[in-house]
Amino acid sequence: MVLDVQQITLAVIVGTLAAIVYSLRVLVLMERRVARIEMHIENVVGKVMREELKIERSLGKRR
């Protein structure tokens, strides 16, 4: 099976497009992961802030 120049060029283009699509898929998955991590960080910061406010209120009552 001998490929001519057009078939080789087409194969290279299709392979490149497949690589681009795969890279975009990986990027989307990574972005979702980072978004989840950011959401967890926001939740932790919210909990810390609530605890800080409780501590400040309890210290304010003592004064």
C-alpha atoms as a PDB file:
ATOM      1  CA  MET A   1       0.000   0.000   0.000  1.00  0.00           C
ATOM      2  CA  VAL A   2       1.797   3.080  -1.252  1.00  0.00           C
ATOM      3  CA  LEU A   3       0.499   6.475  -0.207  1.00  0.00           C
ATOM      4  CA  ASP A   4       0.773   9.452  -2.472  1.00  0.00           C
ATOM      5  CA  VAL A   5       1.552  12.996  -1.304  1.00  0.00           C
ATOM      6  CA  GLN A   6      -2.114  13.997  -0.950  1.00  0.00           C
ATOM      7  CA  GLN A   7      -2.905  11.020   1.272  1.00  0.00           C
ATOM      8  CA  ILE A   8       0.124  11.662   3.466  1.00  0.00           C
ATOM      9  CA  THR A   9      -0.810  15.336   3.763  1.00  0.00           C
ATOM     10  CA  LEU A  10      -4.382  14.422   4.663  1.00  0.00           C
ATOM     11  CA  ALA A  11      -3.157  11.905   7.255  1.00  0.00           C
ATOM     12  CA  VAL A  12      -0.902  14.541   8.838  1.00  0.00           C
ATOM     13  CA  ILE A  13      -3.750  17.080   8.954  1.00  0.00           C
ATOM     14  CA  VAL A  14      -6.180  14.567  10.482  1.00  0.00           C
ATOM     15  CA  GLY A  15      -3.575  13.494  13.035  1.00  0.00           C
ATOM     16  CA  THR A  16      -2.881  17.111  13.970  1.00  0.00           C
ATOM     17  CA  LEU A  17      -6.590  17.846  14.369  1.00  0.00           C
ATOM     18  CA  ALA A  18      -6.999  14.746  16.527  1.00  0.00           C
ATOM     19  CA  ALA A  19      -4.114  15.903  18.732  1.00  0.00           C
ATOM     20  CA  ILE A  20      -5.668  19.371  19.071  1.00  0.00           C
ATOM     21  CA  VAL A  21      -9.057  17.907  20.030  1.00  0.00           C
ATOM     22  CA  TYR A  22      -7.429  15.629  22.595  1.00  0.00           C
ATOM     23  CA  SER A  23      -5.463  18.558  24.062  1.00  0.00           C
ATOM     24  CA  LEU A  24      -8.629  20.633  24.342  1.00  0.00           C
ATOM     25  CA  ARG A  25     -10.352  17.743  26.100  1.00  0.00           C
ATOM     26  CA  VAL A  26      -7.509  17.536  28.611  1.00  0.00           C
ATOM     27  CA  LEU A  27      -7.621  21.301  29.144  1.00  0.00           C
ATOM     28  CA  VAL A  28     -11.372  21.197  29.814  1.00  0.00           C
ATOM     29  CA  LEU A  29     -10.922  18.387  32.335  1.00  0.00           C
ATOM     30  CA  MET A  30      -8.111  20.279  34.079  1.00  0.00           C
ATOM     31  CA  GLU A  31     -10.196  23.464  34.188  1.00  0.00           C
ATOM     32  CA  ARG A  32     -13.045  21.556  35.839  1.00  0.00           C
ATOM     33  CA  ARG A  33     -10.621  20.172  38.417  1.00  0.00           C
ATOM     34  CA  VAL A  34      -9.223  23.614  39.186  1.00  0.00           C
ATOM     35  CA  ALA A  35     -12.761  25.004  39.479  1.00  0.00           C
ATOM     36  CA  ARG A  36     -13.618  22.279  41.997  1.00  0.00           C
ATOM     37  CA  ILE A  37     -10.470  23.011  43.988  1.00  0.00           C
ATOM     38  CA  GLU A  38     -11.326  26.730  44.013  1.00  0.00           C
ATOM     39  CA  MET A  39     -14.840  25.902  45.221  1.00  0.00           C
ATOM     40  CA  HIS A  40     -13.435  23.819  48.092  1.00  0.00           C
ATOM     41  CA  ILE A  41     -11.034  26.630  49.011  1.00  0.00           C
ATOM     42  CA  GLU A  42     -13.928  29.110  49.047  1.00  0.00           C
ATOM     43  CA  ASN A  43     -15.879  26.794  51.350  1.00  0.00           C
ATOM     44  CA  VAL A  44     -12.937  26.486  53.747  1.00  0.00           C
ATOM     45  CA  VAL A  45     -12.388  30.254  53.739  1.00  0.00           C
ATOM     46  CA  GLY A  46     -16.083  30.772  54.472  1.00  0.00           C
ATOM     47  CA  LYS A  47     -15.913  28.407  57.440  1.00  0.00           C
ATOM     48  CA  VAL A  48     -12.785  30.124  58.759  1.00  0.00           C
ATOM     49  CA  MET A  49     -14.457  33.528  58.422  1.00  0.00           C
ATOM     50  CA  ARG A  50     -17.511  32.326  60.360  1.00  0.00           C
ATOM     51  CA  GLU A  51     -15.273  30.997  63.121  1.00  0.00           C
ATOM     52  CA  GLU A  52     -13.334  34.283  63.192  1.00  0.00           C
ATOM     53  CA  LEU A  53     -16.576  36.214  63.589  1.00  0.00           C
ATOM     54  CA  LYS A  54     -17.668  33.927  66.430  1.00  0.00           C
ATOM     55  CA  ILE A  55     -14.341  34.480  68.191  1.00  0.00           C
ATOM     56  CA  GLU A  56     -14.527  38.252  67.704  1.00  0.00           C
ATOM     57  CA  ARG A  57     -18.095  38.331  69.071  1.00  0.00           C
ATOM     58  CA  SER A  58     -17.153  36.259  72.101  1.00  0.00           C
ATOM     59  CA  LEU A  59     -14.146  38.503  72.800  1.00  0.00           C
ATOM     60  CA  GLY A  60     -16.315  41.609  72.364  1.00  0.00           C
ATOM     61  CA  LYS A  61     -18.748  40.397  75.030  1.00  0.00           C
ATOM     62  CA  ARG A  62     -15.931  39.910  77.541  1.00  0.00           C
ATOM     63  CA  ARG A  63     -14.776  43.516  77.291  1.00  0.00           C
END
